[in-house]
PDB file of all heavy atoms in Angstrom:
ATOM      1  N   LEU A   1       7.451   1.995   3.022  1.00  0.00           N
ATOM      2  CA  LEU A   1       6.758   3.118   2.431  1.00  0.00           C
ATOM      3  C   LEU A   1       6.648   2.934   0.960  1.00  0.00           C
ATOM      4  O   LEU A   1       7.759   2.817   0.271  1.00  0.00           O
ATOM      5  CB  LEU A   1       7.469   4.372   2.749  1.00  0.00           C
ATOM      6  CG  LEU A   1       7.600   4.773   4.231  1.00  0.00           C
ATOM      7  CD1 LEU A   1       8.774   4.016   4.917  1.00  0.00           C
ATOM      8  CD2 LEU A   1       7.849   6.297   4.446  1.00  0.00           C
ATOM      9  N   CYS A   2       5.488   2.795   0.418  1.00  0.00           N
ATOM     10  CA  CYS A   2       5.393   2.414  -1.005  1.00  0.00           C
ATOM     11  C   CYS A   2       4.307   3.223  -1.746  1.00  0.00           C
ATOM     12  O   CYS A   2       3.258   3.557  -1.173  1.00  0.00           O
ATOM     13  CB  CYS A   2       4.985   0.916  -1.122  1.00  0.00           C
ATOM     14  SG  CYS A   2       5.000   0.282  -2.822  1.00  0.00           S
ATOM     15  N   GLU A   3       4.542   3.548  -2.943  1.00  0.00           N
ATOM     16  CA  GLU A   3       3.593   4.270  -3.774  1.00  0.00           C
ATOM     17  C   GLU A   3       3.365   3.433  -5.006  1.00  0.00           C
ATOM     18  O   GLU A   3       4.256   3.240  -5.866  1.00  0.00           O
ATOM     19  CB  GLU A   3       4.101   5.692  -4.205  1.00  0.00           C
ATOM     20  CG  GLU A   3       3.105   6.463  -5.052  1.00  0.00           C
ATOM     21  CD  GLU A   3       3.496   7.873  -5.325  1.00  0.00           C
ATOM     22  OE1 GLU A   3       3.967   8.544  -4.302  1.00  0.00           O
ATOM     23  OE2 GLU A   3       3.328   8.362  -6.488  1.00  0.00           O
ATOM     24  N   VAL A   4       2.176   2.884  -5.066  1.00  0.00           N
ATOM     25  CA  VAL A   4       1.781   2.206  -6.366  1.00  0.00           C
ATOM     26  C   VAL A   4       1.036   3.053  -7.265  1.00  0.00           C
ATOM     27  O   VAL A   4       0.290   3.971  -6.737  1.00  0.00           O
ATOM     28  CB  VAL A   4       1.033   0.874  -5.988  1.00  0.00           C
ATOM     29  CG1 VAL A   4       1.898  -0.141  -5.281  1.00  0.00           C
ATOM     30  CG2 VAL A   4      -0.234   1.181  -5.249  1.00  0.00           C
ATOM     31  N   HIS A   5       1.095   2.871  -8.554  1.00  0.00           N
ATOM     32  CA  HIS A   5       0.453   3.808  -9.505  1.00  0.00           C
ATOM     33  C   HIS A   5      -0.750   3.228 -10.214  1.00  0.00           C
ATOM     34  O   HIS A   5      -1.249   3.888 -11.177  1.00  0.00           O
ATOM     35  CB  HIS A   5       1.560   4.275 -10.494  1.00  0.00           C
ATOM     36  CG  HIS A   5       2.641   5.020  -9.835  1.00  0.00           C
ATOM     37  ND1 HIS A   5       3.612   4.463  -9.081  1.00  0.00           N
ATOM     38  CD2 HIS A   5       2.856   6.406  -9.769  1.00  0.00           C
ATOM     39  CE1 HIS A   5       4.472   5.410  -8.626  1.00  0.00           C
ATOM     40  NE2 HIS A   5       3.958   6.593  -8.998  1.00  0.00           N
ATOM     41  N   ARG A   6      -1.152   2.034  -9.872  1.00  0.00           N
ATOM     42  CA  ARG A   6      -2.347   1.466 -10.345  1.00  0.00           C
ATOM     43  C   ARG A   6      -3.071   0.768  -9.190  1.00  0.00           C
ATOM     44  O   ARG A   6      -2.506   0.126  -8.404  1.00  0.00           O
ATOM     45  CB  ARG A   6      -2.047   0.371 -11.476  1.00  0.00           C
ATOM     46  CG  ARG A   6      -1.458   0.975 -12.684  1.00  0.00           C
ATOM     47  CD  ARG A   6      -0.911  -0.053 -13.720  1.00  0.00           C
ATOM     48  NE  ARG A   6       0.302  -0.699 -13.149  1.00  0.00           N
ATOM     49  CZ  ARG A   6       1.082  -1.526 -13.847  1.00  0.00           C
ATOM     50  NH1 ARG A   6       0.754  -1.760 -15.149  1.00  0.00           N
ATOM     51  NH2 ARG A   6       2.109  -2.067 -13.333  1.00  0.00           N
ATOM     52  N   ARG A   7      -4.391   1.063  -9.102  1.00  0.00           N
ATOM     53  CA  ARG A   7      -5.160   0.549  -7.969  1.00  0.00           C
ATOM     54  C   ARG A   7      -5.121  -0.939  -7.884  1.00  0.00           C
ATOM     55  O   ARG A   7      -5.209  -1.515  -6.833  1.00  0.00           O
ATOM     56  CB  ARG A   7      -6.627   1.016  -8.079  1.00  0.00           C
ATOM     57  CG  ARG A   7      -6.845   2.521  -7.945  1.00  0.00           C
ATOM     58  CD  ARG A   7      -6.714   2.965  -6.541  1.00  0.00           C
ATOM     59  NE  ARG A   7      -6.577   4.412  -6.445  1.00  0.00           N
ATOM     60  CZ  ARG A   7      -7.626   5.251  -6.315  1.00  0.00           C
ATOM     61  NH1 ARG A   7      -8.860   4.801  -6.413  1.00  0.00           N
ATOM     62  NH2 ARG A   7      -7.436   6.549  -6.265  1.00  0.00           N
ATOM     63  N   SER A   8      -4.945  -1.614  -9.056  1.00  0.00           N
ATOM     64  CA  SER A   8      -4.892  -3.072  -9.081  1.00  0.00           C
ATOM     65  C   SER A   8      -3.675  -3.616  -8.370  1.00  0.00           C
ATOM     66  O   SER A   8      -3.624  -4.811  -8.001  1.00  0.00           O
ATOM     67  CB  SER A   8      -4.909  -3.570 -10.519  1.00  0.00           C
ATOM     68  OG  SER A   8      -3.711  -3.100 -11.259  1.00  0.00           O
ATOM     69  N   GLU A   9      -2.677  -2.671  -8.097  1.00  0.00           N
ATOM     70  CA  GLU A   9      -1.448  -3.199  -7.432  1.00  0.00           C
ATOM     71  C   GLU A   9      -1.506  -3.090  -5.923  1.00  0.00           C
ATOM     72  O   GLU A   9      -0.706  -3.611  -5.203  1.00  0.00           O
ATOM     73  CB  GLU A   9      -0.286  -2.322  -7.891  1.00  0.00           C
ATOM     74  CG  GLU A   9       0.134  -2.477  -9.346  1.00  0.00           C
ATOM     75  CD  GLU A   9       1.198  -1.558  -9.818  1.00  0.00           C
ATOM     76  OE1 GLU A   9       1.294  -0.414  -9.303  1.00  0.00           O
ATOM     77  OE2 GLU A   9       2.051  -1.956 -10.589  1.00  0.00           O
ATOM     78  N   PHE A  10      -2.644  -2.427  -5.416  1.00  0.00           N
ATOM     79  CA  PHE A  10      -2.678  -2.269  -3.953  1.00  0.00           C
ATOM     80  C   PHE A  10      -3.024  -3.563  -3.168  1.00  0.00           C
ATOM     81  O   PHE A  10      -2.503  -3.746  -2.159  1.00  0.00           O
ATOM     82  CB  PHE A  10      -3.743  -1.146  -3.670  1.00  0.00           C
ATOM     83  CG  PHE A  10      -3.682  -0.731  -2.213  1.00  0.00           C
ATOM     84  CD1 PHE A  10      -2.552  -0.046  -1.733  1.00  0.00           C
ATOM     85  CD2 PHE A  10      -4.776  -0.980  -1.308  1.00  0.00           C
ATOM     86  CE1 PHE A  10      -2.511   0.321  -0.422  1.00  0.00           C
ATOM     87  CE2 PHE A  10      -4.702  -0.631  -0.024  1.00  0.00           C
ATOM     88  CZ  PHE A  10      -3.518   0.123   0.391  1.00  0.00           C
ATOM     89  N   GLU A  11      -3.920  -4.366  -3.805  1.00  0.00           N
ATOM     90  CA  GLU A  11      -4.158  -5.682  -3.154  1.00  0.00           C
ATOM     91  C   GLU A  11      -2.892  -6.524  -2.946  1.00  0.00           C
ATOM     92  O   GLU A  11      -2.675  -7.077  -1.980  1.00  0.00           O
ATOM     93  CB  GLU A  11      -5.303  -6.389  -3.970  1.00  0.00           C
ATOM     94  CG  GLU A  11      -5.629  -7.766  -3.402  1.00  0.00           C
ATOM     95  CD  GLU A  11      -6.313  -7.688  -2.021  1.00  0.00           C
ATOM     96  OE1 GLU A  11      -6.921  -6.721  -1.675  1.00  0.00           O
ATOM     97  OE2 GLU A  11      -6.170  -8.701  -1.280  1.00  0.00           O
ATOM     98  N   PRO A  12      -2.123  -6.738  -4.083  1.00  0.00           N
ATOM     99  CA  PRO A  12      -0.902  -7.485  -3.903  1.00  0.00           C
ATOM    100  C   PRO A  12       0.038  -6.858  -2.846  1.00  0.00           C
ATOM    101  O   PRO A  12       0.703  -7.533  -2.134  1.00  0.00           O
ATOM    102  CB  PRO A  12      -0.283  -7.496  -5.277  1.00  0.00           C
ATOM    103  CG  PRO A  12      -1.396  -7.233  -6.249  1.00  0.00           C
ATOM    104  CD  PRO A  12      -2.405  -6.400  -5.505  1.00  0.00           C
ATOM    105  N   LEU A  13       0.060  -5.549  -2.832  1.00  0.00           N
ATOM    106  CA  LEU A  13       0.896  -4.840  -1.829  1.00  0.00           C
ATOM    107  C   LEU A  13       0.473  -5.182  -0.448  1.00  0.00           C
ATOM    108  O   LEU A  13       1.276  -5.458   0.425  1.00  0.00           O
ATOM    109  CB  LEU A  13       0.806  -3.322  -2.075  1.00  0.00           C
ATOM    110  CG  LEU A  13       1.428  -2.425  -0.958  1.00  0.00           C
ATOM    111  CD1 LEU A  13       3.008  -2.763  -0.858  1.00  0.00           C
ATOM    112  CD2 LEU A  13       1.218  -0.972  -1.278  1.00  0.00           C
ATOM    113  N   MET A  14      -0.841  -5.140  -0.219  1.00  0.00           N
ATOM    114  CA  MET A  14      -1.388  -5.482   1.093  1.00  0.00           C
ATOM    115  C   MET A  14      -0.988  -6.887   1.563  1.00  0.00           C
ATOM    116  O   MET A  14      -0.592  -7.200   2.659  1.00  0.00           O
ATOM    117  CB  MET A  14      -2.875  -5.333   1.140  1.00  0.00           C
ATOM    118  CG  MET A  14      -3.417  -3.898   1.136  1.00  0.00           C
ATOM    119  SD  MET A  14      -5.160  -3.756   1.563  1.00  0.00           S
ATOM    120  CE  MET A  14      -5.877  -4.719   0.251  1.00  0.00           C
ATOM    121  N   GLN A  15      -1.165  -7.813   0.559  1.00  0.00           N
ATOM    122  CA  GLN A  15      -0.772  -9.173   0.881  1.00  0.00           C
ATOM    123  C   GLN A  15       0.698  -9.388   1.224  1.00  0.00           C
ATOM    124  O   GLN A  15       1.031 -10.106   2.199  1.00  0.00           O
ATOM    125  CB  GLN A  15      -1.164 -10.118  -0.253  1.00  0.00           C
ATOM    126  CG  GLN A  15      -2.704 -10.121  -0.568  1.00  0.00           C
ATOM    127  CD  GLN A  15      -3.513 -10.671   0.542  1.00  0.00           C
ATOM    128  OE1 GLN A  15      -3.084 -11.512   1.339  1.00  0.00           O
ATOM    129  NE2 GLN A  15      -4.700 -10.069   0.673  1.00  0.00           N
ATOM    130  N   LEU A  16       1.515  -8.680   0.496  1.00  0.00           N
ATOM    131  CA  LEU A  16       2.988  -8.752   0.776  1.00  0.00           C
ATOM    132  C   LEU A  16       3.334  -8.081   2.142  1.00  0.00           C
ATOM    133  O   LEU A  16       4.080  -8.693   2.920  1.00  0.00           O
ATOM    134  CB  LEU A  16       3.749  -8.009  -0.323  1.00  0.00           C
ATOM    135  CG  LEU A  16       3.853  -8.751  -1.676  1.00  0.00           C
ATOM    136  CD1 LEU A  16       4.302  -7.782  -2.806  1.00  0.00           C
ATOM    137  CD2 LEU A  16       4.880  -9.866  -1.538  1.00  0.00           C
ATOM    138  N   ALA A  17       2.760  -6.957   2.407  1.00  0.00           N
ATOM    139  CA  ALA A  17       3.045  -6.248   3.689  1.00  0.00           C
ATOM    140  C   ALA A  17       2.599  -7.137   4.860  1.00  0.00           C
ATOM    141  O   ALA A  17       3.190  -7.231   5.874  1.00  0.00           O
ATOM    142  CB  ALA A  17       2.414  -4.902   3.693  1.00  0.00           C
ATOM    143  N   TRP A  18       1.338  -7.654   4.713  1.00  0.00           N
ATOM    144  CA  TRP A  18       0.817  -8.523   5.829  1.00  0.00           C
ATOM    145  C   TRP A  18       1.674  -9.749   5.967  1.00  0.00           C
ATOM    146  O   TRP A  18       1.902 -10.240   7.106  1.00  0.00           O
ATOM    147  CB  TRP A  18      -0.580  -8.957   5.543  1.00  0.00           C
ATOM    148  CG  TRP A  18      -1.613  -7.778   5.672  1.00  0.00           C
ATOM    149  CD1 TRP A  18      -1.456  -6.677   6.430  1.00  0.00           C
ATOM    150  CD2 TRP A  18      -2.858  -7.703   5.028  1.00  0.00           C
ATOM    151  NE1 TRP A  18      -2.556  -5.926   6.359  1.00  0.00           N
ATOM    152  CE2 TRP A  18      -3.425  -6.474   5.451  1.00  0.00           C
ATOM    153  CE3 TRP A  18      -3.573  -8.521   4.164  1.00  0.00           C
ATOM    154  CZ2 TRP A  18      -4.692  -6.020   5.014  1.00  0.00           C
ATOM    155  CZ3 TRP A  18      -4.778  -8.074   3.744  1.00  0.00           C
ATOM    156  CH2 TRP A  18      -5.401  -6.878   4.173  1.00  0.00           C
ATOM    157  N   GLY A  19       2.164 -10.295   4.827  1.00  0.00           N
ATOM    158  CA  GLY A  19       3.032 -11.497   4.960  1.00  0.00           C
ATOM    159  C   GLY A  19       4.380 -11.172   5.627  1.00  0.00           C
ATOM    160  O   GLY A  19       4.977 -12.041   6.267  1.00  0.00           O
ATOM    161  N   TRP A  20       4.780  -9.906   5.650  1.00  0.00           N
ATOM    162  CA  TRP A  20       5.949  -9.473   6.327  1.00  0.00           C
ATOM    163  C   TRP A  20       5.718  -9.197   7.749  1.00  0.00           C
ATOM    164  O   TRP A  20       6.623  -8.872   8.503  1.00  0.00           O
ATOM    165  CB  TRP A  20       6.571  -8.275   5.640  1.00  0.00           C
ATOM    166  CG  TRP A  20       7.213  -8.457   4.360  1.00  0.00           C
ATOM    167  CD1 TRP A  20       7.338  -9.650   3.637  1.00  0.00           C
ATOM    168  CD2 TRP A  20       7.844  -7.516   3.461  1.00  0.00           C
ATOM    169  NE1 TRP A  20       7.917  -9.512   2.436  1.00  0.00           N
ATOM    170  CE2 TRP A  20       8.290  -8.152   2.358  1.00  0.00           C
ATOM    171  CE3 TRP A  20       8.075  -6.115   3.631  1.00  0.00           C
ATOM    172  CZ2 TRP A  20       8.913  -7.511   1.245  1.00  0.00           C
ATOM    173  CZ3 TRP A  20       8.702  -5.443   2.610  1.00  0.00           C
ATOM    174  CH2 TRP A  20       9.175  -6.147   1.450  1.00  0.00           C
ATOM    175  N   GLY A  21       4.468  -9.273   8.185  1.00  0.00           N
ATOM    176  CA  GLY A  21       4.062  -8.914   9.551  1.00  0.00           C
ATOM    177  C   GLY A  21       3.888  -7.485   9.831  1.00  0.00           C
ATOM    178  O   GLY A  21       4.000  -7.058  10.987  1.00  0.00           O
ATOM    179  N   LEU A  22       3.618  -6.679   8.799  1.00  0.00           N
ATOM    180  CA  LEU A  22       3.406  -5.197   8.980  1.00  0.00           C
ATOM    181  C   LEU A  22       1.983  -4.856   9.026  1.00  0.00           C
ATOM    182  O   LEU A  22       1.100  -5.596   8.539  1.00  0.00           O
ATOM    183  CB  LEU A  22       4.109  -4.533   7.833  1.00  0.00           C
ATOM    184  CG  LEU A  22       5.560  -4.825   7.562  1.00  0.00           C
ATOM    185  CD1 LEU A  22       6.073  -4.081   6.320  1.00  0.00           C
ATOM    186  CD2 LEU A  22       6.429  -4.400   8.749  1.00  0.00           C
ATOM    187  N   GLU A  23       1.641  -3.669   9.598  1.00  0.00           N
ATOM    188  CA  GLU A  23       0.287  -3.200   9.580  1.00  0.00           C
ATOM    189  C   GLU A  23       0.308  -1.756   8.954  1.00  0.00           C
ATOM    190  O   GLU A  23       1.278  -0.961   9.185  1.00  0.00           O
ATOM    191  CB  GLU A  23      -0.314  -3.211  10.955  1.00  0.00           C
ATOM    192  CG  GLU A  23       0.397  -2.285  11.945  1.00  0.00           C
ATOM    193  CD  GLU A  23      -0.302  -2.364  13.326  1.00  0.00           C
ATOM    194  OE1 GLU A  23      -0.930  -3.348  13.665  1.00  0.00           O
ATOM    195  OE2 GLU A  23      -0.083  -1.350  14.074  1.00  0.00           O
ATOM    196  N   MET A  24      -0.791  -1.400   8.318  1.00  0.00           N
ATOM    197  CA  MET A  24      -0.881  -0.109   7.646  1.00  0.00           C
ATOM    198  C   MET A  24      -1.184   0.997   8.634  1.00  0.00           C
ATOM    199  O   MET A  24      -2.128   0.891   9.472  1.00  0.00           O
ATOM    200  CB  MET A  24      -1.870  -0.147   6.527  1.00  0.00           C
ATOM    201  CG  MET A  24      -1.861   1.109   5.689  1.00  0.00           C
ATOM    202  SD  MET A  24      -2.852   0.964   4.179  1.00  0.00           S
ATOM    203  CE  MET A  24      -4.495   0.722   4.815  1.00  0.00           C
ATOM    204  N   THR A  25      -0.443   2.116   8.630  1.00  0.00           N
ATOM    205  CA  THR A  25      -0.661   3.218   9.481  1.00  0.00           C
ATOM    206  C   THR A  25      -1.013   4.500   8.771  1.00  0.00           C
ATOM    207  O   THR A  25      -1.358   5.461   9.366  1.00  0.00           O
ATOM    208  CB  THR A  25       0.590   3.515  10.416  1.00  0.00           C
ATOM    209  OG1 THR A  25       1.696   3.832   9.532  1.00  0.00           O
ATOM    210  CG2 THR A  25       0.894   2.291  11.244  1.00  0.00           C
ATOM    211  N   ARG A  26      -0.918   4.444   7.466  1.00  0.00           N
ATOM    212  CA  ARG A  26      -1.239   5.614   6.657  1.00  0.00           C
ATOM    213  C   ARG A  26      -1.483   5.210   5.200  1.00  0.00           C
ATOM    214  O   ARG A  26      -0.831   4.349   4.664  1.00  0.00           O
ATOM    215  CB  ARG A  26      -0.037   6.615   6.701  1.00  0.00           C
ATOM    216  CG  ARG A  26      -0.194   7.848   5.801  1.00  0.00           C
ATOM    217  CD  ARG A  26      -1.162   8.909   6.347  1.00  0.00           C
ATOM    218  NE  ARG A  26      -1.192  10.078   5.565  1.00  0.00           N
ATOM    219  CZ  ARG A  26      -2.179  11.021   5.713  1.00  0.00           C
ATOM    220  NH1 ARG A  26      -3.152  10.766   6.503  1.00  0.00           N
ATOM    221  NH2 ARG A  26      -2.193  12.076   4.955  1.00  0.00           N
ATOM    222  N   CYS A  27      -2.533   5.817   4.595  1.00  0.00           N
ATOM    223  CA  CYS A  27      -2.896   5.505   3.224  1.00  0.00           C
ATOM    224  C   CYS A  27      -3.519   6.773   2.615  1.00  0.00           C
ATOM    225  O   CYS A  27      -4.384   7.330   3.142  1.00  0.00           O
ATOM    226  CB  CYS A  27      -3.879   4.334   3.165  1.00  0.00           C
ATOM    227  SG  CYS A  27      -4.269   3.862   1.457  1.00  0.00           S
ATOM    228  N   HIS A  28      -2.917   7.129   1.463  1.00  0.00           N
ATOM    229  CA  HIS A  28      -3.452   8.309   0.655  1.00  0.00           C
ATOM    230  C   HIS A  28      -3.664   7.963  -0.720  1.00  0.00           C
ATOM    231  O   HIS A  28      -2.741   7.541  -1.373  1.00  0.00           O
ATOM    232  CB  HIS A  28      -2.437   9.435   0.764  1.00  0.00           C
ATOM    233  CG  HIS A  28      -2.879  10.663   0.030  1.00  0.00           C
ATOM    234  ND1 HIS A  28      -3.837  11.582   0.457  1.00  0.00           N
ATOM    235  CD2 HIS A  28      -2.541  11.092  -1.232  1.00  0.00           C
ATOM    236  CE1 HIS A  28      -3.969  12.549  -0.483  1.00  0.00           C
ATOM    237  NE2 HIS A  28      -3.194  12.224  -1.455  1.00  0.00           N
ATOM    238  N   ALA A  29      -4.894   8.032  -1.184  1.00  0.00           N
ATOM    239  CA  ALA A  29      -5.230   7.743  -2.588  1.00  0.00           C
ATOM    240  C   ALA A  29      -5.199   9.039  -3.352  1.00  0.00           C
ATOM    241  O   ALA A  29      -5.937   9.991  -3.079  1.00  0.00           O
ATOM    242  CB  ALA A  29      -6.632   7.108  -2.655  1.00  0.00           C
ATOM    243  N   GLY A  30      -4.291   9.061  -4.342  1.00  0.00           N
ATOM    244  CA  GLY A  30      -4.201  10.226  -5.215  1.00  0.00           C
ATOM    245  C   GLY A  30      -4.956  10.111  -6.521  1.00  0.00           C
ATOM    246  O   GLY A  30      -5.845   9.277  -6.660  1.00  0.00           O
ATOM    247  N   ARG A  31      -4.504  10.851  -7.525  1.00  0.00           N
ATOM    248  CA  ARG A  31      -5.178  10.867  -8.753  1.00  0.00           C
ATOM    249  C   ARG A  31      -4.660   9.711  -9.658  1.00  0.00           C
ATOM    250  O   ARG A  31      -3.596   9.157  -9.417  1.00  0.00           O
ATOM    251  CB  ARG A  31      -4.795  12.221  -9.497  1.00  0.00           C
ATOM    252  CG  ARG A  31      -5.422  13.432  -8.812  1.00  0.00           C
ATOM    253  CD  ARG A  31      -5.033  14.648  -9.602  1.00  0.00           C
ATOM    254  NE  ARG A  31      -3.571  14.818  -9.635  1.00  0.00           N
ATOM    255  CZ  ARG A  31      -2.938  15.757 -10.333  1.00  0.00           C
ATOM    256  NH1 ARG A  31      -3.638  16.575 -11.135  1.00  0.00           N
ATOM    257  NH2 ARG A  31      -1.629  15.873 -10.272  1.00  0.00           N
ATOM    258  N   ASN A  32      -5.453   9.316 -10.606  1.00  0.00           N
ATOM    259  CA  ASN A  32      -5.073   8.346 -11.620  1.00  0.00           C
ATOM    260  C   ASN A  32      -4.611   6.989 -11.069  1.00  0.00           C
ATOM    261  O   ASN A  32      -3.712   6.356 -11.563  1.00  0.00           O
ATOM    262  CB  ASN A  32      -3.934   8.934 -12.488  1.00  0.00           C
ATOM    263  CG  ASN A  32      -4.344  10.264 -13.125  1.00  0.00           C
ATOM    264  OD1 ASN A  32      -5.384  10.427 -13.594  1.00  0.00           O
ATOM    265  ND2 ASN A  32      -3.423  11.190 -13.166  1.00  0.00           N
ATOM    266  N   GLY A  33      -5.231   6.551  -9.930  1.00  0.00           N
ATOM    267  CA  GLY A  33      -4.940   5.236  -9.383  1.00  0.00           C
ATOM    268  C   GLY A  33      -3.752   5.142  -8.506  1.00  0.00           C
ATOM    269  O   GLY A  33      -3.376   4.091  -8.029  1.00  0.00           O
ATOM    270  N   CYS A  34      -3.121   6.328  -8.184  1.00  0.00           N
ATOM    271  CA  CYS A  34      -1.899   6.257  -7.352  1.00  0.00           C
ATOM    272  C   CYS A  34      -2.273   6.185  -5.870  1.00  0.00           C
ATOM    273  O   CYS A  34      -3.178   6.891  -5.418  1.00  0.00           O
ATOM    274  CB  CYS A  34      -1.103   7.586  -7.616  1.00  0.00           C
ATOM    275  SG  CYS A  34       0.355   7.793  -6.696  1.00  0.00           S
ATOM    276  N   VAL A  35      -1.669   5.283  -5.160  1.00  0.00           N
ATOM    277  CA  VAL A  35      -1.901   5.066  -3.742  1.00  0.00           C
ATOM    278  C   VAL A  35      -0.564   5.039  -2.986  1.00  0.00           C
ATOM    279  O   VAL A  35       0.316   4.264  -3.282  1.00  0.00           O
ATOM    280  CB  VAL A  35      -2.672   3.791  -3.423  1.00  0.00           C
ATOM    281  CG1 VAL A  35      -2.962   3.730  -1.922  1.00  0.00           C
ATOM    282  CG2 VAL A  35      -4.009   3.753  -4.239  1.00  0.00           C
ATOM    283  N   THR A  36      -0.389   5.936  -2.003  1.00  0.00           N
ATOM    284  CA  THR A  36       0.740   5.915  -1.148  1.00  0.00           C
ATOM    285  C   THR A  36       0.404   5.411   0.189  1.00  0.00           C
ATOM    286  O   THR A  36      -0.606   5.840   0.797  1.00  0.00           O
ATOM    287  CB  THR A  36       1.311   7.390  -0.964  1.00  0.00           C
ATOM    288  OG1 THR A  36       1.627   7.921  -2.227  1.00  0.00           O
ATOM    289  CG2 THR A  36       2.551   7.434  -0.151  1.00  0.00           C
ATOM    290  N   SER A  37       1.127   4.442   0.711  1.00  0.00           N
ATOM    291  CA  SER A  37       0.796   3.835   1.977  1.00  0.00           C
ATOM    292  C   SER A  37       2.040   3.562   2.805  1.00  0.00           C
ATOM    293  O   SER A  37       3.144   3.445   2.255  1.00  0.00           O
ATOM    294  CB  SER A  37       0.045   2.516   1.791  1.00  0.00           C
ATOM    295  OG  SER A  37       0.807   1.576   1.019  1.00  0.00           O
ATOM    296  N   VAL A  38       1.881   3.551   4.108  1.00  0.00           N
ATOM    297  CA  VAL A  38       2.972   3.295   5.093  1.00  0.00           C
ATOM    298  C   VAL A  38       2.608   2.079   5.893  1.00  0.00           C
ATOM    299  O   VAL A  38       1.440   2.000   6.442  1.00  0.00           O
ATOM    300  CB  VAL A  38       3.131   4.502   5.958  1.00  0.00           C
ATOM    301  CG1 VAL A  38       4.273   4.247   6.979  1.00  0.00           C
ATOM    302  CG2 VAL A  38       3.540   5.752   5.219  1.00  0.00           C
ATOM    303  N   TRP A  39       3.540   1.229   6.033  1.00  0.00           N
ATOM    304  CA  TRP A  39       3.295  -0.048   6.758  1.00  0.00           C
ATOM    305  C   TRP A  39       4.416  -0.132   7.909  1.00  0.00           C
ATOM    306  O   TRP A  39       5.575   0.040   7.548  1.00  0.00           O
ATOM    307  CB  TRP A  39       3.379  -1.189   5.881  1.00  0.00           C
ATOM    308  CG  TRP A  39       2.376  -1.145   4.750  1.00  0.00           C
ATOM    309  CD1 TRP A  39       2.547  -0.378   3.586  1.00  0.00           C
ATOM    310  CD2 TRP A  39       1.159  -1.822   4.599  1.00  0.00           C
ATOM    311  NE1 TRP A  39       1.412  -0.543   2.826  1.00  0.00           N
ATOM    312  CE2 TRP A  39       0.560  -1.409   3.433  1.00  0.00           C
ATOM    313  CE3 TRP A  39       0.417  -2.712   5.507  1.00  0.00           C
ATOM    314  CZ2 TRP A  39      -0.676  -1.841   3.021  1.00  0.00           C
ATOM    315  CZ3 TRP A  39      -0.719  -3.118   5.073  1.00  0.00           C
ATOM    316  CH2 TRP A  39      -1.339  -2.729   3.816  1.00  0.00           C
ATOM    317  N   VAL A  40       4.058  -0.467   9.077  1.00  0.00           N
ATOM    318  CA  VAL A  40       5.080  -0.573  10.199  1.00  0.00           C
ATOM    319  C   VAL A  40       4.878  -1.911  10.935  1.00  0.00           C
ATOM    320  O   VAL A  40       3.854  -2.510  10.905  1.00  0.00           O
ATOM    321  CB  VAL A  40       5.009   0.616  11.190  1.00  0.00           C
ATOM    322  CG1 VAL A  40       5.175   1.965  10.428  1.00  0.00           C
ATOM    323  CG2 VAL A  40       3.617   0.583  11.891  1.00  0.00           C
ATOM    324  N   ARG A  41       5.995  -2.269  11.545  1.00  0.00           N
ATOM    325  CA  ARG A  41       5.954  -3.526  12.328  1.00  0.00           C
ATOM    326  C   ARG A  41       5.365  -3.268  13.785  1.00  0.00           C
ATOM    327  O   ARG A  41       5.850  -2.301  14.452  1.00  0.00           O
ATOM    328  CB  ARG A  41       7.371  -4.049  12.456  1.00  0.00           C
ATOM    329  CG  ARG A  41       7.398  -5.476  13.082  1.00  0.00           C
ATOM    330  CD  ARG A  41       8.750  -6.133  12.828  1.00  0.00           C
ATOM    331  NE  ARG A  41       9.044  -6.223  11.429  1.00  0.00           N
ATOM    332  CZ  ARG A  41       8.470  -7.035  10.572  1.00  0.00           C
ATOM    333  NH1 ARG A  41       7.645  -7.944  10.927  1.00  0.00           N
ATOM    334  NH2 ARG A  41       8.871  -7.075   9.247  1.00  0.00           N
TER     335      ARG A  41
END
């Protein structure tokens, strides 16, 4: 469960999560570039 605060950080987050073998089950884009996402195995 991760909250990044700049949209530019979301792509690296996706690559890391996929590399761990996880898939995204929830994503919420907030204000000012903040993105909260949930990744599960």
